Amino acid sequence: MRTFALFVIGLVFGAAGGFVVAAGNGITFDGHDHADPAHHGGMDHAAMHDQPLELDAADAPTLDIALSADPMAGYNLHIMAGNFSFDPRSASLDHAPGRGHAHVYINGDKWGRVYGPWVHLDNLPAGDVEIRVTLNSNDHRPLSVDGSAIAATTNVTVE
């Protein structure tokens, strides 16, 4: 019981200390409202996903993906991006060249964001499944070259 009590006391004082340090450095915890266009250069959040960011081919990232069955369950998706760095700390912030995250789509529906080169996909629907990955800027715009999204697609048949 004493260990638990010490744990709770440490949790309380640790959290309070964190808030004090953050407040002392001018950090607030208000986040931002995705529905407020002011937080995305005048565009609403949904529009950002439909507004490609056109890049020069010479500087553009490259993308390849590989899917392998996980020995336990599901699949492991390897996202191999060249000339690109995953930048989870800058998600939803302004565009920074060569930085951002990936969006994963399962049969055309957005599954989620990915902030690194590996992700485990579980509970895929049975049958033929299309997995598509796009590279996106920090502000969620899909990266594009010559009008085509920087994307890679693979298919798998799930039994």
N, C-alpha and C. Protein backbone atom coordinates (compact mmCIF):
# COMPACT_ATOMS: atom_id res chain seq x y z
N MET A 1 0.82 -1.18 0.00
CA MET A 1 0.00 0.00 0.00
C MET A 1 0.87 1.25 0.00
N ARG A 2 2.01 1.18 0.71
CA ARG A 2 2.89 2.34 0.79
C ARG A 2 3.45 2.68 -0.60
N THR A 3 3.79 1.68 -1.38
CA THR A 3 4.32 1.90 -2.73
C THR A 3 3.29 2.62 -3.59
N PHE A 4 2.05 2.21 -3.50
CA PHE A 4 1.00 2.85 -4.27
C PHE A 4 0.82 4.31 -3.85
N ALA A 5 0.84 4.56 -2.54
CA ALA A 5 0.69 5.93 -2.03
C ALA A 5 1.83 6.81 -2.53
N LEU A 6 3.05 6.29 -2.49
CA LEU A 6 4.20 7.06 -3.00
C LEU A 6 4.07 7.31 -4.50
N PHE A 7 3.57 6.34 -5.22
CA PHE A 7 3.34 6.50 -6.66
C PHE A 7 2.36 7.64 -6.92
N VAL A 8 1.24 7.66 -6.18
CA VAL A 8 0.22 8.70 -6.37
C VAL A 8 0.80 10.07 -6.01
N ILE A 9 1.54 10.16 -4.93
CA ILE A 9 2.15 11.43 -4.53
C ILE A 9 3.12 11.90 -5.62
N GLY A 10 3.94 11.01 -6.14
CA GLY A 10 4.88 11.35 -7.21
C GLY A 10 4.16 11.81 -8.46
N LEU A 11 3.06 11.16 -8.78
CA LEU A 11 2.26 11.54 -9.95
C LEU A 11 1.70 12.95 -9.78
N VAL A 12 1.16 13.25 -8.62
CA VAL A 12 0.58 14.57 -8.37
C VAL A 12 1.64 15.66 -8.44
N PHE A 13 2.75 15.47 -7.73
CA PHE A 13 3.79 16.49 -7.73
C PHE A 13 4.49 16.58 -9.08
N GLY A 14 4.66 15.46 -9.77
CA GLY A 14 5.28 15.48 -11.10
C GLY A 14 4.44 16.25 -12.09
N ALA A 15 3.13 16.01 -12.09
CA ALA A 15 2.24 16.71 -13.00
C ALA A 15 2.20 18.20 -12.67
N ALA A 16 2.11 18.53 -11.38
CA ALA A 16 2.09 19.94 -10.97
C ALA A 16 3.38 20.63 -11.39
N GLY A 17 4.51 19.95 -11.21
CA GLY A 17 5.79 20.52 -11.61
C GLY A 17 5.85 20.76 -13.11
N GLY A 18 5.31 19.83 -13.87
CA GLY A 18 5.27 20.00 -15.32
C GLY A 18 4.47 21.21 -15.74
N PHE A 19 3.33 21.41 -15.10
CA PHE A 19 2.50 22.58 -15.41
C PHE A 19 3.21 23.88 -15.04
N VAL A 20 3.91 23.88 -13.90
CA VAL A 20 4.63 25.08 -13.47
C VAL A 20 5.74 25.41 -14.47
N VAL A 21 6.51 24.41 -14.87
CA VAL A 21 7.58 24.63 -15.85
C VAL A 21 7.00 25.13 -17.17
N ALA A 22 5.93 24.51 -17.63
CA ALA A 22 5.30 24.92 -18.89
C ALA A 22 4.80 26.36 -18.80
N ALA A 23 4.11 26.69 -17.73
CA ALA A 23 3.59 28.05 -17.56
C ALA A 23 4.72 29.07 -17.48
N GLY A 24 5.81 28.71 -16.83
CA GLY A 24 6.95 29.60 -16.72
C GLY A 24 7.62 29.87 -18.05
N ASN A 25 7.42 28.97 -19.02
CA ASN A 25 7.99 29.14 -20.35
C ASN A 25 6.98 29.62 -21.37
N GLY A 26 5.82 30.04 -20.91
CA GLY A 26 4.80 30.59 -21.80
C GLY A 26 4.06 29.57 -22.62
N ILE A 27 4.11 28.31 -22.23
CA ILE A 27 3.44 27.25 -22.97
C ILE A 27 2.01 27.13 -22.46
N THR A 28 1.06 27.09 -23.37
CA THR A 28 -0.34 26.91 -22.99
C THR A 28 -0.82 25.56 -23.47
N PHE A 29 -1.91 25.10 -22.92
CA PHE A 29 -2.44 23.79 -23.25
C PHE A 29 -3.80 23.90 -23.94
N ASP A 30 -3.99 24.97 -24.71
CA ASP A 30 -5.28 25.17 -25.34
C ASP A 30 -5.40 24.52 -26.71
N GLY A 31 -4.29 24.05 -27.30
CA GLY A 31 -4.35 23.39 -28.60
C GLY A 31 -4.91 24.31 -29.65
N HIS A 32 -5.58 23.72 -30.65
CA HIS A 32 -6.28 24.54 -31.62
C HIS A 32 -7.48 23.80 -32.16
N ASP A 33 -8.39 24.55 -32.69
CA ASP A 33 -9.65 24.01 -33.18
C ASP A 33 -9.52 23.69 -34.66
N HIS A 34 -9.60 22.39 -35.03
CA HIS A 34 -9.48 22.01 -36.44
C HIS A 34 -10.59 22.61 -37.29
N ALA A 35 -11.71 22.95 -36.69
CA ALA A 35 -12.80 23.52 -37.47
C ALA A 35 -12.60 25.02 -37.73
N ASP A 36 -11.66 25.65 -37.04
CA ASP A 36 -11.41 27.08 -37.19
C ASP A 36 -10.41 27.30 -38.32
N PRO A 37 -10.84 27.88 -39.46
CA PRO A 37 -9.94 28.09 -40.60
C PRO A 37 -8.74 28.97 -40.27
N ALA A 38 -8.80 29.77 -39.23
CA ALA A 38 -7.68 30.64 -38.89
C ALA A 38 -6.43 29.85 -38.54
N HIS A 39 -6.59 28.59 -38.12
CA HIS A 39 -5.45 27.78 -37.74
C HIS A 39 -4.81 27.08 -38.92
N HIS A 40 -5.35 27.23 -40.10
CA HIS A 40 -4.80 26.57 -41.28
C HIS A 40 -4.73 27.54 -42.45
N GLY A 41 -4.21 28.72 -42.21
CA GLY A 41 -4.02 29.69 -43.28
C GLY A 41 -5.31 30.07 -43.98
N GLY A 42 -6.42 30.11 -43.25
CA GLY A 42 -7.69 30.50 -43.83
C GLY A 42 -8.49 29.34 -44.39
N MET A 43 -7.93 28.13 -44.46
CA MET A 43 -8.66 26.97 -44.97
C MET A 43 -9.15 26.14 -43.80
N ASP A 44 -10.32 25.52 -43.98
CA ASP A 44 -10.74 24.62 -42.92
C ASP A 44 -9.92 23.32 -43.03
N HIS A 45 -9.90 22.56 -41.95
CA HIS A 45 -9.05 21.37 -41.88
C HIS A 45 -9.34 20.38 -43.00
N ALA A 46 -10.60 20.13 -43.30
CA ALA A 46 -10.95 19.18 -44.36
C ALA A 46 -10.42 19.64 -45.71
N ALA A 47 -10.46 20.94 -45.96
CA ALA A 47 -9.98 21.47 -47.24
C ALA A 47 -8.48 21.26 -47.40
N MET A 48 -7.74 21.23 -46.29
CA MET A 48 -6.29 21.03 -46.37
C MET A 48 -5.98 19.68 -47.02
N HIS A 49 -6.79 18.68 -46.74
CA HIS A 49 -6.56 17.34 -47.29
C HIS A 49 -6.82 17.29 -48.80
N ASP A 50 -7.58 18.25 -49.31
CA ASP A 50 -7.93 18.27 -50.73
C ASP A 50 -7.09 19.26 -51.52
N GLN A 51 -6.22 20.02 -50.87
CA GLN A 51 -5.43 21.06 -51.52
C GLN A 51 -3.98 20.59 -51.61
N PRO A 52 -3.57 19.98 -52.74
CA PRO A 52 -2.20 19.46 -52.85
C PRO A 52 -1.15 20.57 -52.76
N LEU A 53 0.00 20.20 -52.26
CA LEU A 53 1.15 21.10 -52.21
C LEU A 53 2.09 20.66 -53.33
N GLU A 54 2.14 21.43 -54.39
CA GLU A 54 2.93 21.09 -55.58
C GLU A 54 4.42 21.33 -55.30
N LEU A 55 5.23 20.33 -55.58
CA LEU A 55 6.67 20.41 -55.35
C LEU A 55 7.42 20.28 -56.66
N ASP A 56 8.61 20.84 -56.71
CA ASP A 56 9.50 20.67 -57.85
C ASP A 56 10.02 19.24 -57.84
N ALA A 57 10.03 18.58 -58.98
CA ALA A 57 10.42 17.17 -59.05
C ALA A 57 11.83 16.94 -58.52
N ALA A 58 12.73 17.90 -58.70
CA ALA A 58 14.11 17.72 -58.26
C ALA A 58 14.23 17.64 -56.74
N ASP A 59 13.33 18.28 -56.01
CA ASP A 59 13.39 18.31 -54.55
C ASP A 59 12.37 17.40 -53.89
N ALA A 60 11.55 16.76 -54.68
CA ALA A 60 10.41 16.01 -54.13
C ALA A 60 10.85 14.73 -53.44
N PRO A 61 10.13 14.35 -52.38
CA PRO A 61 10.37 13.06 -51.74
C PRO A 61 9.98 11.91 -52.66
N THR A 62 10.53 10.75 -52.36
CA THR A 62 10.14 9.52 -53.05
C THR A 62 9.43 8.64 -52.05
N LEU A 63 8.63 7.70 -52.55
CA LEU A 63 7.86 6.84 -51.65
C LEU A 63 7.73 5.44 -52.23
N ASP A 64 7.96 4.47 -51.39
CA ASP A 64 7.73 3.08 -51.72
C ASP A 64 7.18 2.42 -50.46
N ILE A 65 6.37 1.40 -50.63
CA ILE A 65 5.83 0.69 -49.46
C ILE A 65 5.97 -0.81 -49.66
N ALA A 66 6.05 -1.53 -48.57
CA ALA A 66 6.09 -2.99 -48.59
C ALA A 66 5.18 -3.50 -47.47
N LEU A 67 4.43 -4.51 -47.77
CA LEU A 67 3.50 -5.10 -46.81
C LEU A 67 3.90 -6.55 -46.57
N SER A 68 3.98 -6.94 -45.30
CA SER A 68 4.30 -8.33 -44.98
C SER A 68 3.37 -8.81 -43.87
N ALA A 69 3.03 -10.09 -43.95
CA ALA A 69 2.17 -10.67 -42.93
C ALA A 69 2.91 -10.70 -41.60
N ASP A 70 2.24 -10.29 -40.54
CA ASP A 70 2.81 -10.36 -39.20
C ASP A 70 2.67 -11.80 -38.72
N PRO A 71 3.71 -12.38 -38.11
CA PRO A 71 3.62 -13.77 -37.67
C PRO A 71 2.49 -14.04 -36.68
N MET A 72 2.07 -13.01 -35.94
CA MET A 72 1.01 -13.22 -34.94
C MET A 72 -0.37 -12.90 -35.53
N ALA A 73 -0.50 -11.70 -36.10
CA ALA A 73 -1.80 -11.29 -36.64
C ALA A 73 -1.62 -10.03 -37.46
N GLY A 74 -2.43 -9.86 -38.47
CA GLY A 74 -2.42 -8.64 -39.26
C GLY A 74 -1.22 -8.55 -40.18
N TYR A 75 -0.86 -7.32 -40.50
CA TYR A 75 0.21 -7.05 -41.47
C TYR A 75 1.07 -5.90 -40.97
N ASN A 76 2.34 -5.93 -41.38
CA ASN A 76 3.26 -4.84 -41.08
C ASN A 76 3.51 -4.07 -42.37
N LEU A 77 3.26 -2.77 -42.31
CA LEU A 77 3.44 -1.89 -43.46
C LEU A 77 4.72 -1.10 -43.25
N HIS A 78 5.63 -1.22 -44.23
CA HIS A 78 6.89 -0.47 -44.18
C HIS A 78 6.79 0.67 -45.18
N ILE A 79 6.91 1.90 -44.68
CA ILE A 79 6.82 3.10 -45.51
C ILE A 79 8.24 3.62 -45.69
N MET A 80 8.72 3.54 -46.94
CA MET A 80 10.09 3.93 -47.25
C MET A 80 10.06 5.25 -48.02
N ALA A 81 10.34 6.33 -47.31
CA ALA A 81 10.31 7.67 -47.90
C ALA A 81 11.73 8.19 -48.03
N GLY A 82 12.07 8.63 -49.23
CA GLY A 82 13.37 9.23 -49.47
C GLY A 82 13.23 10.75 -49.52
N ASN A 83 14.28 11.46 -49.14
CA ASN A 83 14.27 12.93 -49.16
C ASN A 83 13.11 13.48 -48.33
N PHE A 84 12.81 12.79 -47.21
CA PHE A 84 11.65 13.12 -46.39
C PHE A 84 11.91 12.65 -44.97
N SER A 85 11.54 13.47 -44.00
CA SER A 85 11.67 13.09 -42.59
C SER A 85 10.29 13.15 -41.93
N PHE A 86 9.94 12.08 -41.22
CA PHE A 86 8.71 12.11 -40.44
C PHE A 86 8.91 13.10 -39.29
N ASP A 87 7.90 13.95 -39.07
CA ASP A 87 8.04 15.05 -38.12
C ASP A 87 6.80 15.15 -37.23
N PRO A 88 6.62 14.19 -36.31
CA PRO A 88 5.41 14.18 -35.48
C PRO A 88 5.26 15.41 -34.60
N ARG A 89 6.34 16.02 -34.20
CA ARG A 89 6.25 17.20 -33.33
C ARG A 89 5.69 18.41 -34.05
N SER A 90 5.71 18.40 -35.38
CA SER A 90 5.22 19.55 -36.15
C SER A 90 3.88 19.27 -36.83
N ALA A 91 3.24 18.16 -36.48
CA ALA A 91 1.94 17.84 -37.08
C ALA A 91 0.96 18.97 -36.83
N SER A 92 0.24 19.35 -37.86
CA SER A 92 -0.78 20.41 -37.84
C SER A 92 -0.17 21.81 -37.77
N LEU A 93 1.14 21.92 -37.90
CA LEU A 93 1.79 23.22 -37.95
C LEU A 93 2.08 23.58 -39.40
N ASP A 94 2.83 24.63 -39.63
CA ASP A 94 3.13 25.08 -40.98
C ASP A 94 3.99 24.08 -41.74
N HIS A 95 3.89 24.15 -43.07
CA HIS A 95 4.69 23.31 -43.95
C HIS A 95 6.17 23.59 -43.75
N ALA A 96 6.99 22.55 -43.71
CA ALA A 96 8.44 22.65 -43.70
C ALA A 96 8.94 21.70 -44.79
N PRO A 97 9.70 22.19 -45.76
CA PRO A 97 10.15 21.35 -46.87
C PRO A 97 10.80 20.06 -46.40
N GLY A 98 10.40 18.94 -47.02
CA GLY A 98 10.99 17.64 -46.72
C GLY A 98 10.57 17.03 -45.41
N ARG A 99 9.53 17.57 -44.78
CA ARG A 99 9.09 17.08 -43.48
C ARG A 99 7.57 16.89 -43.48
N GLY A 100 7.09 16.00 -42.64
CA GLY A 100 5.65 15.81 -42.53
C GLY A 100 5.30 14.44 -41.99
N HIS A 101 4.24 13.86 -42.53
CA HIS A 101 3.75 12.57 -42.08
C HIS A 101 3.07 11.86 -43.26
N ALA A 102 2.63 10.66 -43.03
CA ALA A 102 1.93 9.90 -44.08
C ALA A 102 0.48 9.70 -43.68
N HIS A 103 -0.38 9.56 -44.68
CA HIS A 103 -1.76 9.16 -44.45
C HIS A 103 -1.92 7.77 -45.06
N VAL A 104 -2.57 6.88 -44.35
CA VAL A 104 -2.81 5.52 -44.83
C VAL A 104 -4.30 5.37 -45.11
N TYR A 105 -4.60 4.83 -46.28
CA TYR A 105 -5.97 4.60 -46.71
C TYR A 105 -6.17 3.10 -46.95
N ILE A 106 -7.28 2.58 -46.42
CA ILE A 106 -7.65 1.18 -46.62
C ILE A 106 -8.91 1.19 -47.48
N ASN A 107 -8.82 0.63 -48.68
CA ASN A 107 -9.94 0.61 -49.63
C ASN A 107 -10.55 2.00 -49.83
N GLY A 108 -9.67 3.00 -49.88
CA GLY A 108 -10.12 4.37 -50.14
C GLY A 108 -10.54 5.17 -48.93
N ASP A 109 -10.68 4.52 -47.78
CA ASP A 109 -11.08 5.22 -46.55
C ASP A 109 -9.83 5.50 -45.72
N LYS A 110 -9.76 6.71 -45.19
CA LYS A 110 -8.59 7.07 -44.38
C LYS A 110 -8.57 6.24 -43.10
N TRP A 111 -7.48 5.53 -42.91
CA TRP A 111 -7.27 4.72 -41.72
C TRP A 111 -6.63 5.57 -40.63
N GLY A 112 -5.68 6.44 -41.01
CA GLY A 112 -5.05 7.29 -40.02
C GLY A 112 -3.75 7.89 -40.51
N ARG A 113 -3.14 8.67 -39.62
CA ARG A 113 -1.83 9.28 -39.86
C ARG A 113 -0.74 8.36 -39.35
N VAL A 114 0.43 8.47 -39.98
CA VAL A 114 1.58 7.69 -39.54
C VAL A 114 2.77 8.63 -39.43
N TYR A 115 3.49 8.53 -38.32
CA TYR A 115 4.61 9.42 -38.04
C TYR A 115 5.96 8.70 -38.05
N GLY A 116 6.03 7.57 -38.70
CA GLY A 116 7.28 6.82 -38.77
C GLY A 116 7.22 5.80 -39.89
N PRO A 117 8.29 5.07 -40.10
CA PRO A 117 8.36 4.18 -41.25
C PRO A 117 7.63 2.84 -41.11
N TRP A 118 7.19 2.47 -39.93
CA TRP A 118 6.51 1.18 -39.75
C TRP A 118 5.17 1.38 -39.06
N VAL A 119 4.19 0.60 -39.49
CA VAL A 119 2.89 0.60 -38.81
C VAL A 119 2.29 -0.80 -38.92
N HIS A 120 1.61 -1.22 -37.88
CA HIS A 120 0.94 -2.52 -37.88
C HIS A 120 -0.53 -2.31 -38.25
N LEU A 121 -0.99 -3.07 -39.22
CA LEU A 121 -2.38 -3.00 -39.65
C LEU A 121 -3.06 -4.29 -39.21
N ASP A 122 -4.10 -4.15 -38.42
CA ASP A 122 -4.83 -5.30 -37.91
C ASP A 122 -6.31 -5.11 -38.26
N ASN A 123 -7.04 -6.18 -38.25
CA ASN A 123 -8.48 -6.14 -38.51
C ASN A 123 -8.82 -5.59 -39.88
N LEU A 124 -8.02 -5.93 -40.90
CA LEU A 124 -8.35 -5.53 -42.26
C LEU A 124 -9.58 -6.30 -42.70
N PRO A 125 -10.40 -5.71 -43.57
CA PRO A 125 -11.59 -6.43 -44.03
C PRO A 125 -11.20 -7.65 -44.88
N ALA A 126 -12.05 -8.64 -44.88
CA ALA A 126 -11.80 -9.85 -45.68
C ALA A 126 -11.95 -9.52 -47.16
N GLY A 127 -11.19 -10.26 -47.96
CA GLY A 127 -11.26 -10.07 -49.41
C GLY A 127 -10.08 -9.26 -49.93
N ASP A 128 -10.25 -8.72 -51.15
CA ASP A 128 -9.20 -7.91 -51.75
C ASP A 128 -9.16 -6.54 -51.08
N VAL A 129 -7.98 -6.15 -50.60
CA VAL A 129 -7.81 -4.90 -49.86
C VAL A 129 -6.73 -4.07 -50.54
N GLU A 130 -7.07 -2.80 -50.80
CA GLU A 130 -6.08 -1.87 -51.35
C GLU A 130 -5.58 -0.99 -50.21
N ILE A 131 -4.26 -0.91 -50.10
CA ILE A 131 -3.62 -0.06 -49.10
C ILE A 131 -2.86 1.02 -49.86
N ARG A 132 -3.21 2.27 -49.58
CA ARG A 132 -2.58 3.41 -50.25
C ARG A 132 -1.99 4.32 -49.19
N VAL A 133 -0.79 4.81 -49.48
CA VAL A 133 -0.10 5.71 -48.56
C VAL A 133 0.24 6.98 -49.33
N THR A 134 -0.01 8.14 -48.71
CA THR A 134 0.39 9.42 -49.29
C THR A 134 1.33 10.11 -48.31
N LEU A 135 2.23 10.91 -48.87
CA LEU A 135 3.06 11.76 -48.03
C LEU A 135 2.39 13.12 -47.94
N ASN A 136 2.38 13.67 -46.74
CA ASN A 136 1.67 14.92 -46.48
C ASN A 136 2.56 15.88 -45.72
N SER A 137 2.34 17.17 -45.98
CA SER A 137 3.07 18.20 -45.25
C SER A 137 2.57 18.26 -43.81
N ASN A 138 3.28 18.99 -42.98
CA ASN A 138 2.86 19.14 -41.58
C ASN A 138 1.42 19.63 -41.49
N ASP A 139 1.02 20.52 -42.44
CA ASP A 139 -0.33 21.08 -42.40
C ASP A 139 -1.35 20.20 -43.12
N HIS A 140 -0.98 18.96 -43.40
CA HIS A 140 -1.85 17.90 -43.92
C HIS A 140 -2.08 17.92 -45.43
N ARG A 141 -1.54 18.90 -46.14
CA ARG A 141 -1.72 18.90 -47.59
C ARG A 141 -0.94 17.75 -48.21
N PRO A 142 -1.57 17.01 -49.13
CA PRO A 142 -0.85 15.94 -49.81
C PRO A 142 0.25 16.53 -50.69
N LEU A 143 1.44 15.94 -50.63
CA LEU A 143 2.54 16.39 -51.47
C LEU A 143 2.33 15.88 -52.88
N SER A 144 2.65 16.72 -53.86
CA SER A 144 2.33 16.41 -55.24
C SER A 144 3.46 16.86 -56.17
N VAL A 145 3.65 16.14 -57.27
CA VAL A 145 4.60 16.51 -58.32
C VAL A 145 3.87 16.40 -59.65
N ASP A 146 3.91 17.46 -60.42
CA ASP A 146 3.24 17.50 -61.73
C ASP A 146 1.77 17.08 -61.64
N GLY A 147 1.10 17.50 -60.58
CA GLY A 147 -0.32 17.22 -60.43
C GLY A 147 -0.66 15.84 -59.90
N SER A 148 0.34 15.03 -59.60
CA SER A 148 0.09 13.69 -59.06
C SER A 148 0.59 13.59 -57.63
N ALA A 149 -0.24 13.07 -56.76
CA ALA A 149 0.14 12.91 -55.35
C ALA A 149 1.33 11.97 -55.24
N ILE A 150 2.21 12.27 -54.28
CA ILE A 150 3.30 11.34 -53.98
C ILE A 150 2.67 10.24 -53.14
N ALA A 151 2.43 9.10 -53.77
CA ALA A 151 1.66 8.02 -53.16
C ALA A 151 2.19 6.67 -53.63
N ALA A 152 1.89 5.66 -52.87
CA ALA A 152 2.22 4.29 -53.24
C ALA A 152 1.05 3.41 -52.82
N THR A 153 0.81 2.39 -53.61
CA THR A 153 -0.33 1.50 -53.37
C THR A 153 0.12 0.06 -53.46
N THR A 154 -0.45 -0.78 -52.61
CA THR A 154 -0.26 -2.21 -52.69
C THR A 154 -1.59 -2.88 -52.39
N ASN A 155 -1.70 -4.13 -52.79
CA ASN A 155 -2.94 -4.89 -52.58
C ASN A 155 -2.63 -6.19 -51.85
N VAL A 156 -3.59 -6.64 -51.09
CA VAL A 156 -3.46 -7.91 -50.38
C VAL A 156 -4.85 -8.56 -50.33
N THR A 157 -4.86 -9.87 -50.36
CA THR A 157 -6.11 -10.61 -50.19
C THR A 157 -6.13 -11.15 -48.76
N VAL A 158 -7.12 -10.71 -48.00
CA VAL A 158 -7.24 -11.10 -46.60
C VAL A 158 -8.29 -12.19 -46.50
N GLU A 159 -7.92 -13.29 -45.86
CA GLU A 159 -8.86 -14.41 -45.73
C GLU A 159 -9.62 -14.33 -44.44
